[in-house]
Structures are given as structure tokens and as C-alpha cells.
Amino acid sequence: MADEGQKILDEGIARNPEDIDLVKVHGYGFPRHKGGPMFHTARRAVPPLHVDGEAAHVIVPEV
């Protein structure tokens, strides 16, 4: 869900992640206590999932 939200931001459909969270919470019933999918993902610090055609893998940033 957060990947789709990122695509929406990249395409300029939404101005910021908070806009997406508001729509998901108030329009689609995302659990309010989680703050929306964009906030929830940022808070959990989940690395982005990339698909390279055959397999999906997680890119772990080097620290």
C-alpha cells in the first residue's frame, strides 16, 4: 500500500504523504490508530520493496 502511495507522490497526484493518509483513513477505513499507510510505514522504517521482473527483494540500505 505504501508503494502505491509513493507512486502517487512521484506522479504529483498528491502533494505530501499526509494527504494520502487522510484519504486512506477517512475515505477507505484504514485504522485511524495506525495513522495511515504512509505514516505507519515510515514509523516502522520498512525498507522499500523492489521488483526486478522475476523476484521481489528488499533493498537494505548500508549504514
C-alpha atoms as a PDB file:
ATOM      1  CA  MET A   1       0.000   0.000   0.000  1.00  0.00           C
ATOM      2  CA  ALA A   2       2.851   2.377   0.794  1.00  0.00           C
ATOM      3  CA  ASP A   3       4.481   1.574  -2.567  1.00  0.00           C
ATOM      4  CA  GLU A   4       1.324   2.731  -4.334  1.00  0.00           C
ATOM      5  CA  GLY A   5       1.311   5.823  -2.149  1.00  0.00           C
ATOM      6  CA  GLN A   6       4.877   6.571  -3.208  1.00  0.00           C
ATOM      7  CA  LYS A   7       3.882   6.229  -6.861  1.00  0.00           C
ATOM      8  CA  ILE A   8       1.064   8.730  -6.272  1.00  0.00           C
ATOM      9  CA  LEU A   9       3.586  11.171  -4.800  1.00  0.00           C
ATOM     10  CA  ASP A  10       6.060  10.603  -7.633  1.00  0.00           C
ATOM     11  CA  GLU A  11       3.354  11.319 -10.223  1.00  0.00           C
ATOM     12  CA  GLY A  12       2.382  14.544  -8.463  1.00  0.00           C
ATOM     13  CA  ILE A  13      -1.192  13.427  -7.762  1.00  0.00           C
ATOM     14  CA  ALA A  14      -0.734  14.119  -4.035  1.00  0.00           C
ATOM     15  CA  ARG A  15       1.485  16.838  -2.573  1.00  0.00           C
ATOM     16  CA  ASN A  16       2.661  15.003   0.532  1.00  0.00           C
ATOM     17  CA  PRO A  17       2.274  11.687   2.403  1.00  0.00           C
ATOM     18  CA  GLU A  18      -0.167  13.230   4.866  1.00  0.00           C
ATOM     19  CA  ASP A  19      -2.661  13.831   2.037  1.00  0.00           C
ATOM     20  CA  ILE A  20      -2.581  10.126   1.180  1.00  0.00           C
ATOM     21  CA  ASP A  21      -3.013   9.157   4.834  1.00  0.00           C
ATOM     22  CA  LEU A  22      -6.050  11.433   5.191  1.00  0.00           C
ATOM     23  CA  VAL A  23      -7.758   9.845   2.200  1.00  0.00           C
ATOM     24  CA  LYS A  24      -6.990   6.306   3.373  1.00  0.00           C
ATOM     25  CA  VAL A  25      -8.153   6.920   6.957  1.00  0.00           C
ATOM     26  CA  HIS A  26     -11.280   8.954   6.230  1.00  0.00           C
ATOM     27  CA  GLY A  27     -12.212   7.586   2.820  1.00  0.00           C
ATOM     28  CA  TYR A  28     -11.176   3.938   2.839  1.00  0.00           C
ATOM     29  CA  GLY A  29     -11.243   2.976   6.510  1.00  0.00           C
ATOM     30  CA  PHE A  30      -7.532   2.461   7.208  1.00  0.00           C
ATOM     31  CA  PRO A  31      -7.226   2.035  11.003  1.00  0.00           C
ATOM     32  CA  ARG A  32      -7.049   5.517  12.478  1.00  0.00           C
ATOM     33  CA  HIS A  33      -4.803   4.430  15.349  1.00  0.00           C
ATOM     34  CA  LYS A  34      -2.099   3.487  12.807  1.00  0.00           C
ATOM     35  CA  GLY A  35      -2.125   6.990  11.314  1.00  0.00           C
ATOM     36  CA  GLY A  36      -2.410   5.989   7.662  1.00  0.00           C
ATOM     37  CA  PRO A  37      -0.267   3.722   5.489  1.00  0.00           C
ATOM     38  CA  MET A  38       2.433   6.283   4.767  1.00  0.00           C
ATOM     39  CA  PHE A  39       2.867   7.207   8.438  1.00  0.00           C
ATOM     40  CA  HIS A  40       2.696   3.571   9.506  1.00  0.00           C
ATOM     41  CA  THR A  41       5.403   2.545   7.034  1.00  0.00           C
ATOM     42  CA  ALA A  42       7.662   5.490   7.913  1.00  0.00           C
ATOM     43  CA  ARG A  43       7.286   4.711  11.603  1.00  0.00           C
ATOM     44  CA  ARG A  44       8.154   1.053  11.089  1.00  0.00           C
ATOM     45  CA  ALA A  45      11.094   2.056   8.850  1.00  0.00           C
ATOM     46  CA  VAL A  46      10.331  -0.684   6.338  1.00  0.00           C
ATOM     47  CA  PRO A  47      12.851  -0.671   3.501  1.00  0.00           C
ATOM     48  CA  PRO A  48      11.285  -0.300   0.041  1.00  0.00           C
ATOM     49  CA  LEU A  49      10.410  -3.418  -1.926  1.00  0.00           C
ATOM     50  CA  HIS A  50      11.781  -3.541  -5.463  1.00  0.00           C
ATOM     51  CA  VAL A  51      10.650  -5.914  -8.162  1.00  0.00           C
ATOM     52  CA  ASP A  52      13.183  -6.747 -10.858  1.00  0.00           C
ATOM     53  CA  GLY A  53      10.923  -8.723 -13.187  1.00  0.00           C
ATOM     54  CA  GLU A  54      11.181 -12.199 -11.696  1.00  0.00           C
ATOM     55  CA  ALA A  55      11.669 -11.904  -7.966  1.00  0.00           C
ATOM     56  CA  ALA A  56      10.893  -9.325  -5.323  1.00  0.00           C
ATOM     57  CA  HIS A  57      13.637  -8.482  -2.883  1.00  0.00           C
ATOM     58  CA  VAL A  58      14.203  -5.966  -0.128  1.00  0.00           C
ATOM     59  CA  ILE A  59      16.939  -3.404  -0.587  1.00  0.00           C
ATOM     60  CA  VAL A  60      18.624  -2.825   2.758  1.00  0.00           C
ATOM     61  CA  PRO A  61      20.467   0.494   2.856  1.00  0.00           C
ATOM     62  CA  GLU A  62      24.071   0.407   4.015  1.00  0.00           C
ATOM     63  CA  VAL A  63      24.742   2.356   7.170  1.00  0.00           C
END
